[in-house]
Amino acid sequence: MSKPFIEVAAGLIMQPDGSLLLAQRPADKPWPGWWELPGGKIEPGETTLQALARELKEELDIDVTVATPWVTYTHEYPKNIVRLAFCRVTGWEGEPTGVEGQQLSWVKLDGPLSVGPLLPATEPPLRWIRLPDRYLLTSIGSNNELSNYLAKLTRALQDGLKLVQFREPGWNAESEQDVYTAFKQIVELCHEYGARCLINSCHPEAWWTQADGVHLRAADVRNLAAAGAAIKEKAPGLLAVSAHTVADLDAARTLDADFAVLGHVLSTPSHPGEPGMGWAQFASLITDAGLPVFAIGGQSAATLEAARQHGAHGIAGIRQLLT
C-alpha cells in the first residue's frame, strides 16, 4: 500500500547573528517533543511562499516580509512521504510566539544544538545552512602568477570568504610538483583564516585527503554514480559536484553530495559566445535537487540576491569573488 504524500513549506527563520528558530512538536501531534523547523502543509492553489507566510502567521503570529526559496527535499517517514520546500526567512514583523503552545528556541549553529532530538527531515537543512554563500574557484595558471594570486586571496579571506576550490587543469608547469606546492600553499592560507579548501577531481587522488573535501567534475559525478562508488571513503570532508543537467543533480544526490554547482547561468568570459541558461532555467533545474546548489557563470556580489530569489544557496565564481 502506497504511503500518503504530503507537501510542506518549512522556514529557516534566521536572525542577523546566525541564530535559527526551532519549534518543539506539541503532545497532540505525531512525533511529540521532537524539534523541527516551523511550517506546514501547502494547500491547493498556494505557492510555497504563500503557504509559508500563512503557516508562520498561524503558528508563530509573525508576518513574513523577506523570504526566498532554498532546497526542496523529500523524506520518507514510516507512515508517510513528505516533500519539504525549505525557505530562508530573513525578514518578519512581530515576535515569534508558540500560538499552539509549542516551545520555541533560538539555536546557534556553530556548535552542538541546545535542543533535541530533531525530526529526521530537519537534520539535513541544519547541516546545509552552515555552508558559506560564496565559493571561489582558483585560476592561478602558473608559478609566475602565484605570489600575486596569494595576495588577492588573502584579501578575500580577510573580507570573510570561507570556501575555496583548488582547480588548476590548465596550469603551465614544468612538473606536477609545482602544482602540488601551490595547492598546499592555498590550503594553508585558507586554514589560517578559518576557511575550507576543496580540491577538484582533475587533480591526483593522492592529494584529495589533504584538502577539506573534493569537488567532482560533472563527468566524474556521472561515472561514479553509475558505478555506485563510495566516493566519501576516498575523500573525507565535503563532497561537491559540478552539474549542468537534472541528471547531473540526480547523480549528485545518489553520491550523497553536500552541495552542487550549476551553470553557467549568465554570460561569462570562460564561455565566450555561449549564452547562459538564465535564471528561469536555473530555478527549474534545481526544483527537486534535494541539496543546496550554487549558481556559477557571471556571478558576483551584485548577483547574490538574484541567485537567492531563484533558489540558489549562493554563488560560485573565479574572478569576481576575488575583488
C-alpha atoms as a PDB file:
ATOM      1  CA  MET A   1       0.000   0.000   0.000  1.00  0.00           C
ATOM      2  CA  SER A   2       1.394   3.382  -1.003  1.00  0.00           C
ATOM      3  CA  LYS A   3       2.088   5.929   1.703  1.00  0.00           C
ATOM      4  CA  PRO A   4       0.366   9.334   1.853  1.00  0.00           C
ATOM      5  CA  PHE A   5       2.380  12.072   0.119  1.00  0.00           C
ATOM      6  CA  ILE A   6       2.425  15.463   1.853  1.00  0.00           C
ATOM      7  CA  GLU A   7       3.809  18.756   0.527  1.00  0.00           C
ATOM      8  CA  VAL A   8       5.112  21.077   3.205  1.00  0.00           C
ATOM      9  CA  ALA A   9       6.624  24.569   3.337  1.00  0.00           C
ATOM     10  CA  ALA A  10       9.177  24.976   6.132  1.00  0.00           C
ATOM     11  CA  GLY A  11      11.038  28.110   7.172  1.00  0.00           C
ATOM     12  CA  LEU A  12      14.593  28.598   8.327  1.00  0.00           C
ATOM     13  CA  ILE A  13      13.971  31.782  10.303  1.00  0.00           C
ATOM     14  CA  MET A  14      17.374  33.399  10.698  1.00  0.00           C
ATOM     15  CA  GLN A  15      18.472  36.324  12.844  1.00  0.00           C
ATOM     16  CA  PRO A  16      21.366  38.546  11.658  1.00  0.00           C
ATOM     17  CA  ASP A  17      23.710  36.831  14.148  1.00  0.00           C
ATOM     18  CA  GLY A  18      23.008  33.449  12.514  1.00  0.00           C
ATOM     19  CA  SER A  19      20.619  32.142  15.174  1.00  0.00           C
ATOM     20  CA  LEU A  20      17.911  29.820  13.857  1.00  0.00           C
ATOM     21  CA  LEU A  21      14.409  29.302  15.258  1.00  0.00           C
ATOM     22  CA  LEU A  22      13.294  25.744  16.074  1.00  0.00           C
ATOM     23  CA  ALA A  23       9.920  24.628  17.404  1.00  0.00           C
ATOM     24  CA  GLN A  24       9.023  21.616  19.536  1.00  0.00           C
ATOM     25  CA  ARG A  25       6.115  19.495  18.337  1.00  0.00           C
ATOM     26  CA  PRO A  26       3.124  19.577  20.708  1.00  0.00           C
ATOM     27  CA  ALA A  27       1.997  16.499  22.634  1.00  0.00           C
ATOM     28  CA  ASP A  28      -1.123  16.032  20.483  1.00  0.00           C
ATOM     29  CA  LYS A  29       0.767  15.658  17.187  1.00  0.00           C
ATOM     30  CA  PRO A  30       2.864  12.814  15.722  1.00  0.00           C
ATOM     31  CA  TRP A  31       6.472  12.806  16.959  1.00  0.00           C
ATOM     32  CA  PRO A  32       5.586  14.758  20.141  1.00  0.00           C
ATOM     33  CA  GLY A  33       8.502  16.501  21.805  1.00  0.00           C
ATOM     34  CA  TRP A  34      10.739  16.385  18.730  1.00  0.00           C
ATOM     35  CA  TRP A  35      12.122  19.639  17.339  1.00  0.00           C
ATOM     36  CA  GLU A  36      11.558  20.895  13.825  1.00  0.00           C
ATOM     37  CA  LEU A  37      11.551  23.905  11.528  1.00  0.00           C
ATOM     38  CA  PRO A  38       8.259  25.838  11.675  1.00  0.00           C
ATOM     39  CA  GLY A  39       5.885  25.414   8.759  1.00  0.00           C
ATOM     40  CA  GLY A  40       3.067  23.262   7.483  1.00  0.00           C
ATOM     41  CA  LYS A  41       1.127  21.798   4.576  1.00  0.00           C
ATOM     42  CA  ILE A  42       0.855  23.604   1.253  1.00  0.00           C
ATOM     43  CA  GLU A  43      -2.823  23.964   0.409  1.00  0.00           C
ATOM     44  CA  PRO A  44      -4.184  23.620  -3.145  1.00  0.00           C
ATOM     45  CA  GLY A  45      -3.680  26.819  -5.121  1.00  0.00           C
ATOM     46  CA  GLU A  46      -0.956  28.169  -2.833  1.00  0.00           C
ATOM     47  CA  THR A  47       2.607  28.889  -3.837  1.00  0.00           C
ATOM     48  CA  THR A  48       5.317  27.716  -1.478  1.00  0.00           C
ATOM     49  CA  LEU A  49       5.985  31.219  -0.175  1.00  0.00           C
ATOM     50  CA  GLN A  50       2.265  31.915   0.285  1.00  0.00           C
ATOM     51  CA  ALA A  51       1.852  28.708   2.283  1.00  0.00           C
ATOM     52  CA  LEU A  52       4.914  29.511   4.371  1.00  0.00           C
ATOM     53  CA  ALA A  53       3.660  33.011   5.214  1.00  0.00           C
ATOM     54  CA  ARG A  54       0.239  31.650   6.197  1.00  0.00           C
ATOM     55  CA  GLU A  55       1.657  28.845   8.338  1.00  0.00           C
ATOM     56  CA  LEU A  56       4.112  31.121  10.153  1.00  0.00           C
ATOM     57  CA  LYS A  57       1.307  33.564  10.900  1.00  0.00           C
ATOM     58  CA  GLU A  58      -0.854  30.740  12.260  1.00  0.00           C
ATOM     59  CA  GLU A  59       1.937  29.026  14.235  1.00  0.00           C
ATOM     60  CA  LEU A  60       4.105  31.924  15.361  1.00  0.00           C
ATOM     61  CA  ASP A  61       1.986  35.068  14.847  1.00  0.00           C
ATOM     62  CA  ILE A  62       4.613  36.727  12.659  1.00  0.00           C
ATOM     63  CA  ASP A  63       4.200  38.431   9.294  1.00  0.00           C
ATOM     64  CA  VAL A  64       6.901  37.376   6.836  1.00  0.00           C
ATOM     65  CA  THR A  65       8.411  40.296   4.914  1.00  0.00           C
ATOM     66  CA  VAL A  66      11.514  38.662   3.333  1.00  0.00           C
ATOM     67  CA  ALA A  67      11.685  35.004   2.317  1.00  0.00           C
ATOM     68  CA  THR A  68      13.425  33.145  -0.505  1.00  0.00           C
ATOM     69  CA  PRO A  69      13.116  29.560  -1.793  1.00  0.00           C
ATOM     70  CA  TRP A  70      16.045  27.296  -0.974  1.00  0.00           C
ATOM     71  CA  VAL A  71      16.164  23.457  -1.037  1.00  0.00           C
ATOM     72  CA  THR A  72      13.288  21.092  -1.751  1.00  0.00           C
ATOM     73  CA  TYR A  73      13.898  17.740  -0.124  1.00  0.00           C
ATOM     74  CA  THR A  74      11.833  14.543   0.047  1.00  0.00           C
ATOM     75  CA  HIS A  75      11.933  12.384   3.178  1.00  0.00           C
ATOM     76  CA  GLU A  76      10.186   9.071   3.750  1.00  0.00           C
ATOM     77  CA  TYR A  77       8.821   8.507   7.242  1.00  0.00           C
ATOM     78  CA  PRO A  78       7.348   5.200   8.486  1.00  0.00           C
ATOM     79  CA  LYS A  79       3.787   6.362   7.768  1.00  0.00           C
ATOM     80  CA  ASN A  80       4.112   8.965   5.006  1.00  0.00           C
ATOM     81  CA  ILE A  81       6.372  10.685   2.475  1.00  0.00           C
ATOM     82  CA  VAL A  82       6.972  14.396   2.950  1.00  0.00           C
ATOM     83  CA  ARG A  83       8.231  16.778   0.277  1.00  0.00           C
ATOM     84  CA  LEU A  84       9.647  19.730   2.169  1.00  0.00           C
ATOM     85  CA  ALA A  85      10.165  23.039   0.433  1.00  0.00           C
ATOM     86  CA  PHE A  86      12.674  24.728   2.717  1.00  0.00           C
ATOM     87  CA  CYS A  87      12.800  28.517   2.516  1.00  0.00           C
ATOM     88  CA  ARG A  88      15.061  31.058   4.178  1.00  0.00           C
ATOM     89  CA  VAL A  89      13.213  33.732   6.154  1.00  0.00           C
ATOM     90  CA  THR A  90      15.278  36.814   6.962  1.00  0.00           C
ATOM     91  CA  GLY A  91      12.613  39.444   7.500  1.00  0.00           C
ATOM     92  CA  TRP A  92       9.415  39.438   9.565  1.00  0.00           C
ATOM     93  CA  GLU A  93       7.250  41.632  11.763  1.00  0.00           C
ATOM     94  CA  GLY A  94       6.264  40.594  15.266  1.00  0.00           C
ATOM     95  CA  GLU A  95       7.857  38.422  17.936  1.00  0.00           C
ATOM     96  CA  PRO A  96       7.658  34.654  17.294  1.00  0.00           C
ATOM     97  CA  THR A  97       5.243  33.097  19.791  1.00  0.00           C
ATOM     98  CA  GLY A  98       4.145  29.472  20.205  1.00  0.00           C
ATOM     99  CA  VAL A  99       0.488  30.053  19.297  1.00  0.00           C
ATOM    100  CA  GLU A 100      -0.259  26.318  19.581  1.00  0.00           C
ATOM    101  CA  GLY A 101       1.526  26.045  22.927  1.00  0.00           C
ATOM    102  CA  GLN A 102       4.711  24.728  21.337  1.00  0.00           C
ATOM    103  CA  GLN A 103       8.095  25.566  22.831  1.00  0.00           C
ATOM    104  CA  LEU A 104      10.423  27.727  20.706  1.00  0.00           C
ATOM    105  CA  SER A 105      14.195  28.090  20.838  1.00  0.00           C
ATOM    106  CA  TRP A 106      16.742  30.224  19.037  1.00  0.00           C
ATOM    107  CA  VAL A 107      19.747  27.961  18.439  1.00  0.00           C
ATOM    108  CA  LYS A 108      23.321  28.648  17.374  1.00  0.00           C
ATOM    109  CA  LEU A 109      24.653  26.507  14.532  1.00  0.00           C
ATOM    110  CA  ASP A 110      28.371  26.851  15.241  1.00  0.00           C
ATOM    111  CA  GLY A 111      28.351  24.133  17.914  1.00  0.00           C
ATOM    112  CA  PRO A 112      26.188  21.411  19.478  1.00  0.00           C
ATOM    113  CA  LEU A 113      22.486  22.262  19.443  1.00  0.00           C
ATOM    114  CA  SER A 114      20.903  23.280  22.731  1.00  0.00           C
ATOM    115  CA  VAL A 115      17.697  21.325  21.990  1.00  0.00           C
ATOM    116  CA  GLY A 116      16.744  17.905  20.651  1.00  0.00           C
ATOM    117  CA  PRO A 117      16.003  15.407  19.367  1.00  0.00           C
ATOM    118  CA  LEU A 118      15.478  16.736  15.840  1.00  0.00           C
ATOM    119  CA  LEU A 119      12.946  15.332  13.419  1.00  0.00           C
ATOM    120  CA  PRO A 120      14.914  13.273  10.865  1.00  0.00           C
ATOM    121  CA  ALA A 121      13.934  15.570   7.977  1.00  0.00           C
ATOM    122  CA  THR A 122      15.213  18.573   9.932  1.00  0.00           C
ATOM    123  CA  GLU A 123      18.770  17.321  10.177  1.00  0.00           C
ATOM    124  CA  PRO A 124      19.912  17.860   6.526  1.00  0.00           C
ATOM    125  CA  PRO A 125      18.886  21.539   6.255  1.00  0.00           C
ATOM    126  CA  LEU A 126      20.613  22.360   9.545  1.00  0.00           C
ATOM    127  CA  ARG A 127      23.793  20.896   8.065  1.00  0.00           C
ATOM    128  CA  TRP A 128      23.373  22.611   4.693  1.00  0.00           C
ATOM    129  CA  ILE A 129      22.605  26.068   6.077  1.00  0.00           C
ATOM    130  CA  ARG A 130      26.084  26.171   7.622  1.00  0.00           C
ATOM    131  CA  LEU A 131      27.650  26.335   4.149  1.00  0.00           C
ATOM    132  CA  PRO A 132      29.006  29.780   3.173  1.00  0.00           C
ATOM    133  CA  ASP A 133      27.185  31.600   0.371  1.00  0.00           C
ATOM    134  CA  ARG A 134      30.324  32.354  -1.691  1.00  0.00           C
ATOM    135  CA  TYR A 135      32.503  29.676  -3.298  1.00  0.00           C
ATOM    136  CA  LEU A 136      35.729  30.708  -5.043  1.00  0.00           C
ATOM    137  CA  LEU A 137      37.375  28.595  -7.753  1.00  0.00           C
ATOM    138  CA  THR A 138      41.069  29.273  -8.227  1.00  0.00           C
ATOM    139  CA  SER A 139      42.553  30.226 -11.584  1.00  0.00           C
ATOM    140  CA  ILE A 140      46.260  30.815 -10.998  1.00  0.00           C
ATOM    141  CA  GLY A 141      47.769  29.329 -14.133  1.00  0.00           C
ATOM    142  CA  SER A 142      51.487  29.319 -13.429  1.00  0.00           C
ATOM    143  CA  ASN A 143      54.206  29.794 -10.839  1.00  0.00           C
ATOM    144  CA  ASN A 144      54.733  33.322 -12.114  1.00  0.00           C
ATOM    145  CA  GLU A 145      51.206  34.288 -11.053  1.00  0.00           C
ATOM    146  CA  LEU A 146      51.185  32.501  -7.693  1.00  0.00           C
ATOM    147  CA  SER A 147      52.538  35.296  -5.494  1.00  0.00           C
ATOM    148  CA  ASN A 148      50.073  37.852  -6.882  1.00  0.00           C
ATOM    149  CA  TYR A 149      47.201  35.376  -6.524  1.00  0.00           C
ATOM    150  CA  LEU A 150      48.044  34.597  -2.905  1.00  0.00           C
ATOM    151  CA  ALA A 151      47.900  38.319  -2.127  1.00  0.00           C
ATOM    152  CA  LYS A 152      44.444  38.630  -3.728  1.00  0.00           C
ATOM    153  CA  LEU A 153      43.211  35.518  -1.967  1.00  0.00           C
ATOM    154  CA  THR A 154      44.456  36.840   1.375  1.00  0.00           C
ATOM    155  CA  ARG A 155      42.359  39.988   0.951  1.00  0.00           C
ATOM    156  CA  ALA A 156      39.289  37.937   0.041  1.00  0.00           C
ATOM    157  CA  LEU A 157      39.775  35.698   3.081  1.00  0.00           C
ATOM    158  CA  GLN A 158      40.177  38.757   5.281  1.00  0.00           C
ATOM    159  CA  ASP A 159      36.852  40.000   3.875  1.00  0.00           C
ATOM    160  CA  GLY A 160      35.112  36.818   5.003  1.00  0.00           C
ATOM    161  CA  LEU A 161      35.497  34.273   2.186  1.00  0.00           C
ATOM    162  CA  LYS A 162      35.158  30.804   3.762  1.00  0.00           C
ATOM    163  CA  LEU A 163      35.053  28.294   0.887  1.00  0.00           C
ATOM    164  CA  VAL A 164      37.630  27.796  -1.882  1.00  0.00           C
ATOM    165  CA  GLN A 165      38.191  25.179  -4.562  1.00  0.00           C
ATOM    166  CA  PHE A 166      41.694  24.485  -5.887  1.00  0.00           C
ATOM    167  CA  ARG A 167      41.115  23.909  -9.592  1.00  0.00           C
ATOM    168  CA  GLU A 168      44.058  24.241 -11.953  1.00  0.00           C
ATOM    169  CA  PRO A 169      43.580  21.967 -15.017  1.00  0.00           C
ATOM    170  CA  GLY A 170      45.472  24.355 -17.295  1.00  0.00           C
ATOM    171  CA  TRP A 171      48.431  25.109 -15.026  1.00  0.00           C
ATOM    172  CA  ASN A 172      51.534  25.848 -17.095  1.00  0.00           C
ATOM    173  CA  ALA A 173      54.106  23.962 -15.024  1.00  0.00           C
ATOM    174  CA  GLU A 174      57.260  22.037 -15.761  1.00  0.00           C
ATOM    175  CA  SER A 175      56.338  19.442 -13.166  1.00  0.00           C
ATOM    176  CA  GLU A 176      53.355  18.227 -11.193  1.00  0.00           C
ATOM    177  CA  GLN A 177      55.304  19.141  -8.064  1.00  0.00           C
ATOM    178  CA  ASP A 178      54.835  22.845  -8.865  1.00  0.00           C
ATOM    179  CA  VAL A 179      51.061  22.429  -8.879  1.00  0.00           C
ATOM    180  CA  TYR A 180      51.161  20.389  -5.670  1.00  0.00           C
ATOM    181  CA  THR A 181      53.248  23.062  -3.924  1.00  0.00           C
ATOM    182  CA  ALA A 182      50.717  25.729  -4.930  1.00  0.00           C
ATOM    183  CA  PHE A 183      47.874  23.517  -3.729  1.00  0.00           C
ATOM    184  CA  LYS A 184      49.482  23.149  -0.304  1.00  0.00           C
ATOM    185  CA  GLN A 185      50.009  26.908  -0.058  1.00  0.00           C
ATOM    186  CA  ILE A 186      46.363  27.601  -0.897  1.00  0.00           C
ATOM    187  CA  VAL A 187      45.164  25.078   1.711  1.00  0.00           C
ATOM    188  CA  GLU A 188      47.422  26.528   4.399  1.00  0.00           C
ATOM    189  CA  LEU A 189      46.312  30.081   3.633  1.00  0.00           C
ATOM    190  CA  CYS A 190      42.644  29.100   3.790  1.00  0.00           C
ATOM    191  CA  HIS A 191      43.151  27.377   7.143  1.00  0.00           C
ATOM    192  CA  GLU A 192      44.946  30.432   8.507  1.00  0.00           C
ATOM    193  CA  TYR A 193      41.696  32.383   8.055  1.00  0.00           C
ATOM    194  CA  GLY A 194      39.300  29.624   9.113  1.00  0.00           C
ATOM    195  CA  ALA A 195      38.224  28.789   5.562  1.00  0.00           C
ATOM    196  CA  ARG A 196      37.909  25.392   3.899  1.00  0.00           C
ATOM    197  CA  CYS A 197      39.645  24.385   0.670  1.00  0.00           C
ATOM    198  CA  LEU A 198      38.297  21.641  -1.587  1.00  0.00           C
ATOM    199  CA  ILE A 199      40.273  20.090  -4.439  1.00  0.00           C
ATOM    200  CA  ASN A 200      38.943  19.459  -7.928  1.00  0.00           C
ATOM    201  CA  SER A 201      38.869  15.859  -9.126  1.00  0.00           C
ATOM    202  CA  CYS A 202      41.096  16.778 -12.087  1.00  0.00           C
ATOM    203  CA  HIS A 203      43.997  16.548  -9.637  1.00  0.00           C
ATOM    204  CA  PRO A 204      45.531  13.272  -8.364  1.00  0.00           C
ATOM    205  CA  GLU A 205      43.502  11.254  -5.858  1.00  0.00           C
ATOM    206  CA  ALA A 206      46.581  11.092  -3.649  1.00  0.00           C
ATOM    207  CA  TRP A 207      46.080  14.799  -2.909  1.00  0.00           C
ATOM    208  CA  TRP A 208      42.385  14.608  -2.013  1.00  0.00           C
ATOM    209  CA  THR A 209      42.738  13.710   1.656  1.00  0.00           C
ATOM    210  CA  GLN A 210      44.954  16.769   2.202  1.00  0.00           C
ATOM    211  CA  ALA A 211      42.064  19.093   1.327  1.00  0.00           C
ATOM    212  CA  ASP A 212      38.828  19.693   3.208  1.00  0.00           C
ATOM    213  CA  GLY A 213      36.901  17.737   0.603  1.00  0.00           C
ATOM    214  CA  VAL A 214      36.738  17.105  -3.114  1.00  0.00           C
ATOM    215  CA  HIS A 215      34.813  18.747  -5.937  1.00  0.00           C
ATOM    216  CA  LEU A 216      33.872  16.318  -8.711  1.00  0.00           C
ATOM    217  CA  ARG A 217      33.657  17.302 -12.350  1.00  0.00           C
ATOM    218  CA  ALA A 218      30.274  16.535 -13.957  1.00  0.00           C
ATOM    219  CA  ALA A 219      31.667  13.604 -15.951  1.00  0.00           C
ATOM    220  CA  ASP A 220      33.214  12.130 -12.807  1.00  0.00           C
ATOM    221  CA  VAL A 221      29.890  12.504 -10.993  1.00  0.00           C
ATOM    222  CA  ARG A 222      28.016  10.528 -13.648  1.00  0.00           C
ATOM    223  CA  ASN A 223      30.648   7.795 -13.837  1.00  0.00           C
ATOM    224  CA  LEU A 224      30.911   7.345 -10.086  1.00  0.00           C
ATOM    225  CA  ALA A 225      27.154   7.368  -9.568  1.00  0.00           C
ATOM    226  CA  ALA A 226      26.715   4.726 -12.293  1.00  0.00           C
ATOM    227  CA  ALA A 227      29.364   2.573 -10.634  1.00  0.00           C
ATOM    228  CA  GLY A 228      27.844   3.040  -7.191  1.00  0.00           C
ATOM    229  CA  ALA A 229      31.217   4.259  -5.933  1.00  0.00           C
ATOM    230  CA  ALA A 230      31.617   5.230  -2.285  1.00  0.00           C
ATOM    231  CA  ILE A 231      33.459   8.451  -3.025  1.00  0.00           C
ATOM    232  CA  LYS A 232      33.400   9.711   0.559  1.00  0.00           C
ATOM    233  CA  GLU A 233      35.732   6.878   1.551  1.00  0.00           C
ATOM    234  CA  LYS A 234      38.333   8.350  -0.794  1.00  0.00           C
ATOM    235  CA  ALA A 235      37.709  11.946   0.208  1.00  0.00           C
ATOM    236  CA  PRO A 236      36.527  12.572   3.753  1.00  0.00           C
ATOM    237  CA  GLY A 237      35.114  16.034   4.278  1.00  0.00           C
ATOM    238  CA  LEU A 238      32.820  17.973   1.979  1.00  0.00           C
ATOM    239  CA  LEU A 239      31.733  16.453  -1.315  1.00  0.00           C
ATOM    240  CA  ALA A 240      30.772  18.936  -4.031  1.00  0.00           C
ATOM    241  CA  VAL A 241      29.821  18.357  -7.651  1.00  0.00           C
ATOM    242  CA  SER A 242      29.594  20.304 -10.884  1.00  0.00           C
ATOM    243  CA  ALA A 243      26.267  19.944 -12.689  1.00  0.00           C
ATOM    244  CA  HIS A 244      24.754  21.061 -15.973  1.00  0.00           C
ATOM    245  CA  THR A 245      21.561  18.990 -16.108  1.00  0.00           C
ATOM    246  CA  VAL A 246      18.898  17.413 -13.907  1.00  0.00           C
ATOM    247  CA  ALA A 247      20.635  14.065 -14.482  1.00  0.00           C
ATOM    248  CA  ASP A 248      23.833  15.514 -13.018  1.00  0.00           C
ATOM    249  CA  LEU A 249      21.928  16.707  -9.955  1.00  0.00           C
ATOM    250  CA  ASP A 250      20.291  13.290  -9.583  1.00  0.00           C
ATOM    251  CA  ALA A 251      23.749  11.694  -9.703  1.00  0.00           C
ATOM    252  CA  ALA A 252      24.988  14.144  -7.070  1.00  0.00           C
ATOM    253  CA  ARG A 253      22.153  13.120  -4.787  1.00  0.00           C
ATOM    254  CA  THR A 254      22.959   9.445  -5.405  1.00  0.00           C
ATOM    255  CA  LEU A 255      26.521  10.121  -4.223  1.00  0.00           C
ATOM    256  CA  ASP A 256      25.207  11.925  -1.123  1.00  0.00           C
ATOM    257  CA  ALA A 257      26.975  15.144  -2.128  1.00  0.00           C
ATOM    258  CA  ASP A 258      26.914  18.064   0.277  1.00  0.00           C
ATOM    259  CA  PHE A 259      26.229  20.611  -2.460  1.00  0.00           C
ATOM    260  CA  ALA A 260      26.304  21.190  -6.206  1.00  0.00           C
ATOM    261  CA  VAL A 261      27.360  23.990  -8.533  1.00  0.00           C
ATOM    262  CA  LEU A 262      25.127  24.539 -11.574  1.00  0.00           C
ATOM    263  CA  GLY A 263      25.710  26.681 -14.620  1.00  0.00           C
ATOM    264  CA  HIS A 264      26.675  28.584 -16.437  1.00  0.00           C
ATOM    265  CA  VAL A 265      23.817  30.908 -15.579  1.00  0.00           C
ATOM    266  CA  LEU A 266      24.901  34.227 -17.110  1.00  0.00           C
ATOM    267  CA  SER A 267      27.382  35.107 -19.822  1.00  0.00           C
ATOM    268  CA  THR A 268      30.970  34.707 -18.675  1.00  0.00           C
ATOM    269  CA  PRO A 269      34.471  35.150 -20.145  1.00  0.00           C
ATOM    270  CA  SER A 270      35.235  31.459 -19.563  1.00  0.00           C
ATOM    271  CA  HIS A 271      32.453  30.533 -22.067  1.00  0.00           C
ATOM    272  CA  PRO A 272      32.841  33.122 -24.879  1.00  0.00           C
ATOM    273  CA  GLY A 273      29.988  33.107 -27.359  1.00  0.00           C
ATOM    274  CA  GLU A 274      27.884  30.751 -25.240  1.00  0.00           C
ATOM    275  CA  PRO A 275      24.824  32.408 -23.664  1.00  0.00           C
ATOM    276  CA  GLY A 276      23.980  31.327 -20.138  1.00  0.00           C
ATOM    277  CA  MET A 277      20.925  29.292 -19.230  1.00  0.00           C
ATOM    278  CA  GLY A 278      19.364  32.260 -17.404  1.00  0.00           C
ATOM    279  CA  TRP A 279      17.741  32.413 -14.003  1.00  0.00           C
ATOM    280  CA  ALA A 280      14.416  30.845 -15.016  1.00  0.00           C
ATOM    281  CA  GLN A 281      16.061  27.665 -16.307  1.00  0.00           C
ATOM    282  CA  PHE A 282      18.387  27.548 -13.306  1.00  0.00           C
ATOM    283  CA  ALA A 283      15.399  27.670 -10.952  1.00  0.00           C
ATOM    284  CA  SER A 284      13.592  24.993 -12.968  1.00  0.00           C
ATOM    285  CA  LEU A 285      16.567  22.619 -12.939  1.00  0.00           C
ATOM    286  CA  ILE A 286      17.054  22.761  -9.164  1.00  0.00           C
ATOM    287  CA  THR A 287      13.367  22.298  -8.291  1.00  0.00           C
ATOM    288  CA  ASP A 288      13.965  18.803  -6.902  1.00  0.00           C
ATOM    289  CA  ALA A 289      17.736  18.842  -6.499  1.00  0.00           C
ATOM    290  CA  GLY A 290      17.426  17.758  -2.877  1.00  0.00           C
ATOM    291  CA  LEU A 291      20.618  19.554  -1.869  1.00  0.00           C
ATOM    292  CA  PRO A 292      22.000  23.122  -1.849  1.00  0.00           C
ATOM    293  CA  VAL A 293      23.019  24.456  -5.274  1.00  0.00           C
ATOM    294  CA  PHE A 294      25.383  27.336  -6.023  1.00  0.00           C
ATOM    295  CA  ALA A 295      24.927  29.367  -9.208  1.00  0.00           C
ATOM    296  CA  ILE A 296      28.024  29.797 -11.393  1.00  0.00           C
ATOM    297  CA  GLY A 297      28.634  31.861 -14.512  1.00  0.00           C
ATOM    298  CA  GLY A 298      28.742  35.646 -14.435  1.00  0.00           C
ATOM    299  CA  GLN A 299      28.292  35.717 -10.658  1.00  0.00           C
ATOM    300  CA  SER A 300      29.403  38.476  -8.295  1.00  0.00           C
ATOM    301  CA  ALA A 301      28.247  40.226  -5.139  1.00  0.00           C
ATOM    302  CA  ALA A 302      25.762  42.081  -7.351  1.00  0.00           C
ATOM    303  CA  THR A 303      24.021  38.840  -8.401  1.00  0.00           C
ATOM    304  CA  LEU A 304      23.836  37.182  -4.967  1.00  0.00           C
ATOM    305  CA  GLU A 305      20.329  38.413  -4.201  1.00  0.00           C
ATOM    306  CA  ALA A 306      19.028  37.325  -7.613  1.00  0.00           C
ATOM    307  CA  ALA A 307      20.590  33.914  -7.029  1.00  0.00           C
ATOM    308  CA  ARG A 308      18.778  33.578  -3.706  1.00  0.00           C
ATOM    309  CA  GLN A 309      15.468  34.681  -5.223  1.00  0.00           C
ATOM    310  CA  HIS A 310      15.789  31.800  -7.691  1.00  0.00           C
ATOM    311  CA  GLY A 311      16.560  29.156  -5.075  1.00  0.00           C
ATOM    312  CA  ALA A 312      20.358  29.158  -5.103  1.00  0.00           C
ATOM    313  CA  HIS A 313      22.213  28.626  -1.852  1.00  0.00           C
ATOM    314  CA  GLY A 314      24.820  31.135  -3.015  1.00  0.00           C
ATOM    315  CA  ILE A 315      27.216  31.967  -5.832  1.00  0.00           C
ATOM    316  CA  ALA A 316      30.402  30.432  -7.172  1.00  0.00           C
ATOM    317  CA  GLY A 317      32.957  32.106  -9.388  1.00  0.00           C
ATOM    318  CA  ILE A 318      36.554  32.572 -10.471  1.00  0.00           C
ATOM    319  CA  ARG A 319      37.231  36.284 -10.900  1.00  0.00           C
ATOM    320  CA  GLN A 320      34.548  38.436  -9.343  1.00  0.00           C
ATOM    321  CA  LEU A 321      34.790  36.810  -5.906  1.00  0.00           C
ATOM    322  CA  LEU A 322      38.405  37.966  -5.581  1.00  0.00           C
ATOM    323  CA  THR A 323      37.586  41.653  -5.977  1.00  0.00           C
END
